[in-house]
PDB file of N, CA and C in Angstrom:
ATOM      1  N   UNK A   1       0.847  -1.162   0.000  1.00  0.00           N
ATOM      2  CA  UNK A   1       0.000   0.000   0.000  1.00  0.00           C
ATOM      3  C   UNK A   1       0.896   1.229   0.000  1.00  0.00           C
ATOM      4  N   UNK A   2       0.577   2.181  -0.879  1.00  0.00           N
ATOM      5  CA  UNK A   2       1.288   3.447  -0.935  1.00  0.00           C
ATOM      6  C   UNK A   2       0.298   4.566  -0.651  1.00  0.00           C
ATOM      7  N   UNK A   3       0.763   5.613   0.032  1.00  0.00           N
ATOM      8  CA  UNK A   3      -0.073   6.774   0.325  1.00  0.00           C
ATOM      9  C   UNK A   3       0.684   8.017  -0.147  1.00  0.00           C
ATOM     10  N   UNK A   4       0.009   8.836  -0.954  1.00  0.00           N
ATOM     11  CA  UNK A   4       0.598  10.044  -1.510  1.00  0.00           C
ATOM     12  C   UNK A   4      -0.268  11.242  -1.155  1.00  0.00           C
ATOM     13  N   UNK A   5       0.339  12.425  -1.212  1.00  0.00           N
ATOM     14  CA  UNK A   5      -0.419  13.667  -1.078  1.00  0.00           C
ATOM     15  C   UNK A   5      -0.120  14.518  -2.295  1.00  0.00           C
ATOM     16  N   UNK A   6      -1.176  14.984  -2.949  1.00  0.00           N
ATOM     17  CA  UNK A   6      -1.037  15.867  -4.096  1.00  0.00           C
ATOM     18  C   UNK A   6      -1.553  17.244  -3.696  1.00  0.00           C
ATOM     19  N   UNK A   7      -1.018  18.273  -4.348  1.00  0.00           N
ATOM     20  CA  UNK A   7      -1.384  19.642  -4.000  1.00  0.00           C
ATOM     21  C   UNK A   7      -2.443  20.259  -4.908  1.00  0.00           C
ATOM     22  N   UNK A   8      -2.470  19.853  -6.178  1.00  0.00           N
ATOM     23  CA  UNK A   8      -3.385  20.508  -7.104  1.00  0.00           C
ATOM     24  C   UNK A   8      -4.180  19.489  -7.885  1.00  0.00           C
ATOM     25  N   UNK A   9      -5.345  19.123  -7.464  1.00  0.00           N
ATOM     26  CA  UNK A   9      -6.052  19.591  -6.277  1.00  0.00           C
ATOM     27  C   UNK A   9      -5.523  18.896  -5.021  1.00  0.00           C
ATOM     28  N   UNK A  10      -5.814  19.444  -3.843  1.00  0.00           N
ATOM     29  CA  UNK A  10      -5.323  18.836  -2.608  1.00  0.00           C
ATOM     30  C   UNK A  10      -6.071  17.534  -2.294  1.00  0.00           C
ATOM     31  N   UNK A  11      -5.371  16.416  -2.447  1.00  0.00           N
ATOM     32  CA  UNK A  11      -5.966  15.094  -2.204  1.00  0.00           C
ATOM     33  C   UNK A  11      -4.936  14.181  -1.561  1.00  0.00           C
ATOM     34  N   UNK A  12      -5.451  13.152  -0.891  1.00  0.00           N
ATOM     35  CA  UNK A  12      -4.623  12.039  -0.440  1.00  0.00           C
ATOM     36  C   UNK A  12      -4.973  10.883  -1.371  1.00  0.00           C
ATOM     37  N   UNK A  13      -3.948  10.236  -1.920  1.00  0.00           N
ATOM     38  CA  UNK A  13      -4.152   9.107  -2.830  1.00  0.00           C
ATOM     39  C   UNK A  13      -3.586   7.860  -2.178  1.00  0.00           C
ATOM     40  N   UNK A  14      -4.417   6.823  -2.095  1.00  0.00           N
ATOM     41  CA  UNK A  14      -4.001   5.544  -1.528  1.00  0.00           C
ATOM     42  C   UNK A  14      -4.049   4.511  -2.650  1.00  0.00           C
ATOM     43  N   UNK A  15      -2.930   3.810  -2.857  1.00  0.00           N
ATOM     44  CA  UNK A  15      -2.847   2.795  -3.901  1.00  0.00           C
ATOM     45  C   UNK A  15      -2.618   1.454  -3.216  1.00  0.00           C
ATOM     46  N   UNK A  16      -3.502   0.494  -3.521  1.00  0.00           N
ATOM     47  CA  UNK A  16      -3.421  -0.838  -2.914  1.00  0.00           C
ATOM     48  C   UNK A  16      -3.286  -1.865  -4.025  1.00  0.00           C
ATOM     49  N   UNK A  17      -2.273  -2.711  -3.926  1.00  0.00           N
ATOM     50  CA  UNK A  17      -2.076  -3.769  -4.915  1.00  0.00           C
ATOM     51  C   UNK A  17      -3.039  -4.913  -4.604  1.00  0.00           C
ATOM     52  N   UNK A  18      -3.952  -5.172  -5.537  1.00  0.00           N
ATOM     53  CA  UNK A  18      -4.957  -6.215  -5.337  1.00  0.00           C
ATOM     54  C   UNK A  18      -5.056  -7.120  -6.568  1.00  0.00           C
ATOM     55  N   UNK A  19      -3.936  -7.511  -7.111  1.00  0.00           N
ATOM     56  CA  UNK A  19      -3.950  -8.375  -8.285  1.00  0.00           C
ATOM     57  C   UNK A  19      -4.733  -9.650  -8.006  1.00  0.00           C
ATOM     58  N   UNK A  20      -5.629  -9.980  -8.912  1.00  0.00           N
ATOM     59  CA  UNK A  20      -6.400 -11.203  -8.784  1.00  0.00           C
ATOM     60  C   UNK A  20      -7.599 -11.099  -7.859  1.00  0.00           C
ATOM     61  N   UNK A  21      -7.883  -9.907  -7.348  1.00  0.00           N
ATOM     62  CA  UNK A  21      -9.021  -9.709  -6.454  1.00  0.00           C
ATOM     63  C   UNK A  21     -10.142  -9.059  -7.253  1.00  0.00           C
ATOM     64  N   UNK A  22     -11.331  -9.635  -7.164  1.00  0.00           N
ATOM     65  CA  UNK A  22     -12.493  -9.077  -7.832  1.00  0.00           C
ATOM     66  C   UNK A  22     -12.935  -7.830  -7.049  1.00  0.00           C
ATOM     67  N   UNK A  23     -13.081  -6.679  -7.714  1.00  0.00           N
ATOM     68  CA  UNK A  23     -13.533  -5.479  -7.004  1.00  0.00           C
ATOM     69  C   UNK A  23     -14.866  -5.687  -6.277  1.00  0.00           C
ATOM     70  N   UNK A  24     -15.697  -6.581  -6.773  1.00  0.00           N
ATOM     71  CA  UNK A  24     -16.971  -6.870  -6.102  1.00  0.00           C
ATOM     72  C   UNK A  24     -16.751  -7.542  -4.747  1.00  0.00           C
ATOM     73  N   UNK A  25     -15.582  -8.133  -4.548  1.00  0.00           N
ATOM     74  CA  UNK A  25     -15.248  -8.771  -3.272  1.00  0.00           C
ATOM     75  C   UNK A  25     -14.442  -7.851  -2.362  1.00  0.00           C
ATOM     76  N   UNK A  26     -14.441  -6.546  -2.671  1.00  0.00           N
ATOM     77  CA  UNK A  26     -13.642  -5.584  -1.931  1.00  0.00           C
ATOM     78  C   UNK A  26     -14.540  -4.513  -1.333  1.00  0.00           C
ATOM     79  N   UNK A  27     -14.214  -4.104  -0.107  1.00  0.00           N
ATOM     80  CA  UNK A  27     -14.992  -3.080   0.590  1.00  0.00           C
ATOM     81  C   UNK A  27     -14.051  -1.993   1.101  1.00  0.00           C
ATOM     82  N   UNK A  28     -14.488  -0.747   0.961  1.00  0.00           N
ATOM     83  CA  UNK A  28     -13.751   0.391   1.503  1.00  0.00           C
ATOM     84  C   UNK A  28     -14.593   1.039   2.589  1.00  0.00           C
ATOM     85  N   UNK A  29     -13.955   1.406   3.698  1.00  0.00           N
ATOM     86  CA  UNK A  29     -14.646   2.108   4.773  1.00  0.00           C
ATOM     87  C   UNK A  29     -13.726   3.199   5.292  1.00  0.00           C
ATOM     88  N   UNK A  30     -14.313   4.315   5.669  1.00  0.00           N
ATOM     89  CA  UNK A  30     -13.544   5.434   6.184  1.00  0.00           C
ATOM     90  C   UNK A  30     -14.213   5.929   7.454  1.00  0.00           C
ATOM     91  N   UNK A  31     -13.473   5.888   8.558  1.00  0.00           N
ATOM     92  CA  UNK A  31     -14.012   6.356   9.836  1.00  0.00           C
ATOM     93  C   UNK A  31     -12.866   6.784  10.741  1.00  0.00           C
ATOM     94  N   UNK A  32     -13.085   7.868  11.457  1.00  0.00           N
ATOM     95  CA  UNK A  32     -12.124   8.360  12.447  1.00  0.00           C
ATOM     96  C   UNK A  32     -10.714   8.504  11.887  1.00  0.00           C
ATOM     97  N   UNK A  33     -10.597   8.993  10.655  1.00  0.00           N
ATOM     98  CA  UNK A  33      -9.292   9.240  10.066  1.00  0.00           C
ATOM     99  C   UNK A  33      -8.545   8.002   9.608  1.00  0.00           C
ATOM    100  N   UNK A  34      -9.250   6.883   9.500  1.00  0.00           N
ATOM    101  CA  UNK A  34      -8.623   5.634   9.068  1.00  0.00           C
ATOM    102  C   UNK A  34      -9.371   5.075   7.866  1.00  0.00           C
ATOM    103  N   UNK A  35      -8.621   4.718   6.822  1.00  0.00           N
ATOM    104  CA  UNK A  35      -9.192   4.044   5.663  1.00  0.00           C
ATOM    105  C   UNK A  35      -8.978   2.553   5.845  1.00  0.00           C
ATOM    106  N   UNK A  36     -10.057   1.786   5.696  1.00  0.00           N
ATOM    107  CA  UNK A  36      -9.986   0.330   5.825  1.00  0.00           C
ATOM    108  C   UNK A  36     -10.332  -0.275   4.472  1.00  0.00           C
ATOM    109  N   UNK A  37      -9.468  -1.168   3.987  1.00  0.00           N
ATOM    110  CA  UNK A  37      -9.700  -1.911   2.745  1.00  0.00           C
ATOM    111  C   UNK A  37      -9.768  -3.370   3.140  1.00  0.00           C
ATOM    112  N   UNK A  38     -10.905  -4.007   2.853  1.00  0.00           N
ATOM    113  CA  UNK A  38     -11.025  -5.434   3.183  1.00  0.00           C
ATOM    114  C   UNK A  38     -11.661  -6.165   2.018  1.00  0.00           C
ATOM    115  N   UNK A  39     -11.356  -7.431   1.941  1.00  0.00           N
ATOM    116  CA  UNK A  39     -11.910  -8.226   0.855  1.00  0.00           C
ATOM    117  C   UNK A  39     -11.401  -9.646   0.909  1.00  0.00           C
ATOM    118  N   UNK A  40     -11.461 -10.304  -0.246  1.00  0.00           N
ATOM    119  CA  UNK A  40     -11.021 -11.699  -0.321  1.00  0.00           C
ATOM    120  C   UNK A  40     -10.481 -11.990  -1.711  1.00  0.00           C
ATOM    121  N   UNK A  41      -9.408 -12.746  -1.750  1.00  0.00           N
ATOM    122  CA  UNK A  41      -8.858 -13.274  -3.010  1.00  0.00           C
ATOM    123  C   UNK A  41      -9.273 -14.732  -3.045  1.00  0.00           C
ATOM    124  N   UNK A  42     -10.062 -15.068  -4.027  1.00  0.00           N
ATOM    125  CA  UNK A  42     -10.605 -16.428  -4.111  1.00  0.00           C
ATOM    126  C   UNK A  42      -9.720 -17.302  -5.004  1.00  0.00           C
ATOM    127  N   UNK A  43      -9.567 -18.546  -4.603  1.00  0.00           N
ATOM    128  CA  UNK A  43      -8.771 -19.504  -5.364  1.00  0.00           C
ATOM    129  C   UNK A  43      -9.729 -20.466  -6.072  1.00  0.00           C
ATOM    130  N   UNK A  44      -9.390 -20.777  -7.289  1.00  0.00           N
ATOM    131  CA  UNK A  44     -10.185 -21.746  -8.037  1.00  0.00           C
ATOM    132  C   UNK A  44     -10.049 -23.126  -7.387  1.00  0.00           C
ATOM    133  N   UNK A  45     -11.161 -23.780  -7.217  1.00  0.00           N
ATOM    134  CA  UNK A  45     -11.142 -25.115  -6.606  1.00  0.00           C
ATOM    135  C   UNK A  45     -11.066 -26.213  -7.658  1.00  0.00           C
ATOM    136  N   UNK A  46     -11.006 -25.820  -8.919  1.00  0.00           N
ATOM    137  CA  UNK A  46     -10.993 -26.816  -9.989  1.00  0.00           C
ATOM    138  C   UNK A  46      -9.586 -27.183 -10.433  1.00  0.00           C
ATOM    139  N   UNK A  47      -8.582 -26.649  -9.763  1.00  0.00           N
ATOM    140  CA  UNK A  47      -7.211 -26.924 -10.174  1.00  0.00           C
ATOM    141  C   UNK A  47      -6.468 -27.671  -9.075  1.00  0.00           C
ATOM    142  N   UNK A  48      -5.603 -28.561  -9.506  1.00  0.00           N
ATOM    143  CA  UNK A  48      -4.742 -29.264  -8.561  1.00  0.00           C
ATOM    144  C   UNK A  48      -3.488 -28.421  -8.362  1.00  0.00           C
ATOM    145  N   UNK A  49      -3.196 -28.044  -7.131  1.00  0.00           N
ATOM    146  CA  UNK A  49      -2.077 -27.147  -6.841  1.00  0.00           C
ATOM    147  C   UNK A  49      -0.773 -27.917  -6.871  1.00  0.00           C
ATOM    148  N   UNK A  50       0.180 -27.412  -7.653  1.00  0.00           N
ATOM    149  CA  UNK A  50       1.516 -27.993  -7.721  1.00  0.00           C
ATOM    150  C   UNK A  50       2.518 -27.152  -6.931  1.00  0.00           C
ATOM    151  N   UNK A  51       2.306 -25.852  -6.940  1.00  0.00           N
ATOM    152  CA  UNK A  51       3.175 -24.922  -6.216  1.00  0.00           C
ATOM    153  C   UNK A  51       2.362 -23.659  -5.954  1.00  0.00           C
ATOM    154  N   UNK A  52       2.418 -23.095  -4.731  1.00  0.00           N
ATOM    155  CA  UNK A  52       1.599 -21.928  -4.433  1.00  0.00           C
ATOM    156  C   UNK A  52       2.391 -20.919  -3.613  1.00  0.00           C
ATOM    157  N   UNK A  53       2.444 -19.661  -4.103  1.00  0.00           N
ATOM    158  CA  UNK A  53       3.076 -18.568  -3.378  1.00  0.00           C
ATOM    159  C   UNK A  53       2.118 -17.400  -3.166  1.00  0.00           C
ATOM    160  N   UNK A  54       1.021 -17.356  -3.891  1.00  0.00           N
ATOM    161  CA  UNK A  54       0.054 -16.270  -3.773  1.00  0.00           C
ATOM    162  C   UNK A  54      -0.847 -16.554  -2.575  1.00  0.00           C
ATOM    163  N   UNK A  55      -1.047 -15.515  -1.754  1.00  0.00           N
ATOM    164  CA  UNK A  55      -1.950 -15.646  -0.607  1.00  0.00           C
ATOM    165  C   UNK A  55      -3.394 -15.567  -1.072  1.00  0.00           C
ATOM    166  N   UNK A  56      -4.214 -16.433  -0.556  1.00  0.00           N
ATOM    167  CA  UNK A  56      -5.641 -16.442  -0.852  1.00  0.00           C
ATOM    168  C   UNK A  56      -6.402 -16.313   0.450  1.00  0.00           C
ATOM    169  N   UNK A  57      -7.661 -15.890   0.334  1.00  0.00           N
ATOM    170  CA  UNK A  57      -8.510 -15.755   1.506  1.00  0.00           C
ATOM    171  C   UNK A  57      -8.802 -14.297   1.813  1.00  0.00           C
ATOM    172  N   UNK A  58      -9.313 -14.077   3.001  1.00  0.00           N
ATOM    173  CA  UNK A  58      -9.706 -12.735   3.424  1.00  0.00           C
ATOM    174  C   UNK A  58      -8.488 -11.898   3.789  1.00  0.00           C
ATOM    175  N   UNK A  59      -8.625 -10.591   3.601  1.00  0.00           N
ATOM    176  CA  UNK A  59      -7.560  -9.673   3.984  1.00  0.00           C
ATOM    177  C   UNK A  59      -8.192  -8.384   4.482  1.00  0.00           C
ATOM    178  N   UNK A  60      -7.435  -7.641   5.264  1.00  0.00           N
ATOM    179  CA  UNK A  60      -7.848  -6.321   5.712  1.00  0.00           C
ATOM    180  C   UNK A  60      -6.604  -5.479   5.924  1.00  0.00           C
ATOM    181  N   UNK A  61      -6.616  -4.268   5.370  1.00  0.00           N
ATOM    182  CA  UNK A  61      -5.513  -3.319   5.543  1.00  0.00           C
ATOM    183  C   UNK A  61      -6.097  -2.022   6.064  1.00  0.00           C
ATOM    184  N   UNK A  62      -5.385  -1.389   6.973  1.00  0.00           N
ATOM    185  CA  UNK A  62      -5.811  -0.108   7.520  1.00  0.00           C
ATOM    186  C   UNK A  62      -4.684   0.894   7.373  1.00  0.00           C
ATOM    187  N   UNK A  63      -5.060   2.122   7.063  1.00  0.00           N
ATOM    188  CA  UNK A  63      -4.068   3.189   6.987  1.00  0.00           C
ATOM    189  C   UNK A  63      -4.646   4.424   7.660  1.00  0.00           C
ATOM    190  N   UNK A  64      -3.879   4.998   8.585  1.00  0.00           N
ATOM    191  CA  UNK A  64      -4.266   6.258   9.211  1.00  0.00           C
ATOM    192  C   UNK A  64      -3.947   7.373   8.237  1.00  0.00           C
ATOM    193  N   UNK A  65      -4.944   8.176   7.964  1.00  0.00           N
ATOM    194  CA  UNK A  65      -4.757   9.255   6.999  1.00  0.00           C
ATOM    195  C   UNK A  65      -4.104  10.454   7.679  1.00  0.00           C
ATOM    196  N   UNK A  66      -3.150  11.090   6.998  1.00  0.00           N
ATOM    197  CA  UNK A  66      -2.409  12.179   7.619  1.00  0.00           C
ATOM    198  C   UNK A  66      -3.201  13.476   7.753  1.00  0.00           C
ATOM    199  N   UNK A  67      -4.347  13.572   7.056  1.00  0.00           N
ATOM    200  CA  UNK A  67      -5.147  14.790   7.088  1.00  0.00           C
ATOM    201  C   UNK A  67      -6.625  14.435   7.078  1.00  0.00           C
ATOM    202  N   UNK A  68      -7.448  15.405   7.435  1.00  0.00           N
ATOM    203  CA  UNK A  68      -8.895  15.211   7.395  1.00  0.00           C
ATOM    204  C   UNK A  68      -9.347  15.257   5.944  1.00  0.00           C
ATOM    205  N   UNK A  69     -10.133  14.252   5.546  1.00  0.00           N
ATOM    206  CA  UNK A  69     -10.579  14.167   4.155  1.00  0.00           C
ATOM    207  C   UNK A  69     -12.098  14.243   4.075  1.00  0.00           C
ATOM    208  N   UNK A  70     -12.578  14.566   2.886  1.00  0.00           N
ATOM    209  CA  UNK A  70     -14.010  14.628   2.608  1.00  0.00           C
ATOM    210  C   UNK A  70     -14.447  13.256   2.099  1.00  0.00           C
ATOM    211  N   UNK A  71     -14.958  12.430   2.995  1.00  0.00           N
ATOM    212  CA  UNK A  71     -15.313  11.047   2.649  1.00  0.00           C
ATOM    213  C   UNK A  71     -16.398  10.984   1.584  1.00  0.00           C
ATOM    214  N   UNK A  72     -17.313  11.942   1.579  1.00  0.00           N
ATOM    215  CA  UNK A  72     -18.410  11.924   0.610  1.00  0.00           C
ATOM    216  C   UNK A  72     -17.937  12.183  -0.815  1.00  0.00           C
ATOM    217  N   UNK A  73     -16.783  12.805  -0.957  1.00  0.00           N
ATOM    218  CA  UNK A  73     -16.252  13.101  -2.286  1.00  0.00           C
ATOM    219  C   UNK A  73     -15.183  12.094  -2.720  1.00  0.00           C
ATOM    220  N   UNK A  74     -14.992  11.040  -1.950  1.00  0.00           N
ATOM    221  CA  UNK A  74     -13.967  10.029  -2.266  1.00  0.00           C
ATOM    222  C   UNK A  74     -14.327   9.295  -3.559  1.00  0.00           C
ATOM    223  N   UNK A  75     -13.286   8.898  -4.286  1.00  0.00           N
ATOM    224  CA  UNK A  75     -13.460   8.113  -5.510  1.00  0.00           C
ATOM    225  C   UNK A  75     -12.498   6.942  -5.477  1.00  0.00           C
ATOM    226  N   UNK A  76     -12.907   5.827  -6.084  1.00  0.00           N
ATOM    227  CA  UNK A  76     -12.043   4.647  -6.140  1.00  0.00           C
ATOM    228  C   UNK A  76     -12.130   4.048  -7.529  1.00  0.00           C
ATOM    229  N   UNK A  77     -10.966   3.599  -8.044  1.00  0.00           N
ATOM    230  CA  UNK A  77     -10.939   2.927  -9.341  1.00  0.00           C
ATOM    231  C   UNK A  77     -10.028   1.712  -9.224  1.00  0.00           C
ATOM    232  N   UNK A  78     -10.280   0.734 -10.067  1.00  0.00           N
ATOM    233  CA  UNK A  78      -9.505  -0.513 -10.070  1.00  0.00           C
ATOM    234  C   UNK A  78      -9.020  -0.744 -11.491  1.00  0.00           C
ATOM    235  N   UNK A  79      -7.703  -0.637 -11.677  1.00  0.00           N
ATOM    236  CA  UNK A  79      -7.123  -0.789 -13.011  1.00  0.00           C
ATOM    237  C   UNK A  79      -5.872  -1.644 -12.904  1.00  0.00           C
ATOM    238  N   UNK A  80      -5.827  -2.707 -13.713  1.00  0.00           N
ATOM    239  CA  UNK A  80      -4.644  -3.579 -13.790  1.00  0.00           C
ATOM    240  C   UNK A  80      -4.169  -4.065 -12.428  1.00  0.00           C
ATOM    241  N   UNK A  81      -5.114  -4.420 -11.573  1.00  0.00           N
ATOM    242  CA  UNK A  81      -4.757  -4.985 -10.279  1.00  0.00           C
ATOM    243  C   UNK A  81      -4.424  -3.979  -9.201  1.00  0.00           C
ATOM    244  N   UNK A  82      -4.579  -2.685  -9.504  1.00  0.00           N
ATOM    245  CA  UNK A  82      -4.318  -1.651  -8.506  1.00  0.00           C
ATOM    246  C   UNK A  82      -5.613  -0.925  -8.168  1.00  0.00           C
ATOM    247  N   UNK A  83      -5.915  -0.849  -6.883  1.00  0.00           N
ATOM    248  CA  UNK A  83      -7.040  -0.069  -6.394  1.00  0.00           C
ATOM    249  C   UNK A  83      -6.488   1.305  -6.039  1.00  0.00           C
ATOM    250  N   UNK A  84      -7.032   2.344  -6.667  1.00  0.00           N
ATOM    251  CA  UNK A  84      -6.584   3.709  -6.418  1.00  0.00           C
ATOM    252  C   UNK A  84      -7.739   4.466  -5.775  1.00  0.00           C
ATOM    253  N   UNK A  85      -7.532   4.914  -4.537  1.00  0.00           N
ATOM    254  CA  UNK A  85      -8.549   5.648  -3.791  1.00  0.00           C
ATOM    255  C   UNK A  85      -8.091   7.098  -3.693  1.00  0.00           C
ATOM    256  N   UNK A  86      -8.933   8.005  -4.190  1.00  0.00           N
ATOM    257  CA  UNK A  86      -8.625   9.432  -4.155  1.00  0.00           C
ATOM    258  C   UNK A  86      -9.540  10.096  -3.127  1.00  0.00           C
ATOM    259  N   UNK A  87      -8.915  10.714  -2.128  1.00  0.00           N
ATOM    260  CA  UNK A  87      -9.649  11.313  -1.022  1.00  0.00           C
ATOM    261  C   UNK A  87      -9.357  12.813  -0.968  1.00  0.00           C
ATOM    262  N   UNK A  88     -10.317  13.652  -1.389  1.00  0.00           N
ATOM    263  CA  UNK A  88     -10.098  15.096  -1.330  1.00  0.00           C
ATOM    264  C   UNK A  88      -9.904  15.547   0.121  1.00  0.00           C
ATOM    265  N   UNK A  89      -8.948  16.437   0.313  1.00  0.00           N
ATOM    266  CA  UNK A  89      -8.697  16.960   1.648  1.00  0.00           C
ATOM    267  C   UNK A  89      -9.811  17.944   1.993  1.00  0.00           C
ATOM    268  N   UNK A  90     -10.367  17.799   3.190  1.00  0.00           N
ATOM    269  CA  UNK A  90     -11.468  18.651   3.628  1.00  0.00           C
ATOM    270  C   UNK A  90     -10.960  20.069   3.832  1.00  0.00           C
ATOM    271  N   UNK A  91     -11.784  21.008   3.413  1.00  0.00           N
ATOM    272  CA  UNK A  91     -11.413  22.402   3.612  1.00  0.00           C
ATOM    273  C   UNK A  91     -11.469  22.714   5.096  1.00  0.00           C
ATOM    274  N   UNK A  92     -10.448  23.369   5.538  1.00  0.00           N
ATOM    275  CA  UNK A  92     -10.388  23.750   6.946  1.00  0.00           C
ATOM    276  C   UNK A  92     -10.975  25.142   7.108  1.00  0.00           C
ATOM    277  N   UNK A  93     -11.677  25.355   8.206  1.00  0.00           N
ATOM    278  CA  UNK A  93     -12.179  26.702   8.431  1.00  0.00           C
ATOM    279  C   UNK A  93     -11.005  27.655   8.674  1.00  0.00           C
ATOM    280  N   UNK A  94     -11.215  28.891   8.338  1.00  0.00           N
ATOM    281  CA  UNK A  94     -10.168  29.890   8.542  1.00  0.00           C
ATOM    282  C   UNK A  94      -9.782  29.927  10.011  1.00  0.00           C
ATOM    283  N   UNK A  95      -8.512  30.059  10.269  1.00  0.00           N
ATOM    284  CA  UNK A  95      -8.048  30.117  11.657  1.00  0.00           C
ATOM    285  C   UNK A  95      -8.374  31.467  12.283  1.00  0.00           C
ATOM    286  N   UNK A  96      -8.600  32.460  11.451  1.00  0.00           N
ATOM    287  CA  UNK A  96      -8.944  33.773  11.955  1.00  0.00           C
ATOM    288  C   UNK A  96     -10.439  33.805  12.212  1.00  0.00           C
ATOM    289  N   UNK A  97     -10.812  34.173  13.401  1.00  0.00           N
ATOM    290  CA  UNK A  97     -12.215  34.198  13.782  1.00  0.00           C
ATOM    291  C   UNK A  97     -12.549  35.586  14.285  1.00  0.00           C
ATOM    292  N   UNK A  98     -13.588  36.165  13.746  1.00  0.00           N
ATOM    293  CA  UNK A  98     -14.040  37.476  14.185  1.00  0.00           C
ATOM    294  C   UNK A  98     -15.330  37.294  14.958  1.00  0.00           C
ATOM    295  N   UNK A  99     -15.371  37.863  16.144  1.00  0.00           N
ATOM    296  CA  UNK A  99     -16.565  37.771  16.981  1.00  0.00           C
ATOM    297  C   UNK A  99     -17.158  39.165  17.109  1.00  0.00           C
ATOM    298  N   UNK A 100     -18.426  39.290  16.813  1.00  0.00           N
ATOM    299  CA  UNK A 100     -19.126  40.558  16.917  1.00  0.00           C
ATOM    300  C   UNK A 100     -19.412  40.842  18.383  1.00  0.00           C
ATOM    301  N   UNK A 101     -19.113  42.074  18.823  1.00  0.00           N
ATOM    302  CA  UNK A 101     -19.379  42.490  20.204  1.00  0.00           C
ATOM    303  C   UNK A 101     -20.684  43.253  20.228  1.00  0.00           C
ATOM    304  N   UNK A 102     -21.578  42.832  21.070  1.00  0.00           N
ATOM    305  CA  UNK A 102     -22.877  43.498  21.212  1.00  0.00           C
ATOM    306  C   UNK A 102     -22.895  44.238  22.537  1.00  0.00           C
ATOM    307  N   UNK A 103     -23.138  45.556  22.474  1.00  0.00           N
ATOM    308  CA  UNK A 103     -23.200  46.369  23.688  1.00  0.00           C
ATOM    309  C   UNK A 103     -24.560  46.204  24.329  1.00  0.00           C
ATOM    310  N   UNK A 104     -24.578  46.047  25.659  1.00  0.00           N
ATOM    311  CA  UNK A 104     -25.832  45.897  26.386  1.00  0.00           C
ATOM    312  C   UNK A 104     -25.831  46.873  27.562  1.00  0.00           C
ATOM    313  N   UNK A 105     -26.917  47.491  27.750  1.00  0.00           N
ATOM    314  CA  UNK A 105     -27.033  48.415  28.895  1.00  0.00           C
ATOM    315  C   UNK A 105     -26.188  49.649  28.725  1.00  0.00           C
ATOM    316  N   UNK A 106     -25.998  50.383  29.811  1.00  0.00           N
ATOM    317  CA  UNK A 106     -25.206  51.621  29.795  1.00  0.00           C
ATOM    318  C   UNK A 106     -23.755  51.304  30.067  1.00  0.00           C
ATOM    319  N   UNK A 107     -22.912  51.970  29.372  1.00  0.00           N
ATOM    320  CA  UNK A 107     -21.488  51.757  29.584  1.00  0.00           C
ATOM    321  C   UNK A 107     -20.878  52.822  30.439  1.00  0.00           C
TER     322      UNK A 107
END
């Protein structure tokens, strides 16, 4: 899993290698600043195994995001075995705050 930050536009990009995993068997969840990718790589039961190095079965990966993101604007694509999740960085409120003073009574 790789995590990148881009500036224009400001986004966090998470790339997960999922070769051989059906996107329909994959779930993305985002909560409390953590992106969770879970799913399963299924093995064909019609073949006799002679040698095996690829992991099969359920998996789950978690990554703490370095910034607050807009989960509703997140996008995910799956191309050539790579899941690419693009998470726009949430706009932060201005640090400068102006408070209106209301006069009451006689001064």
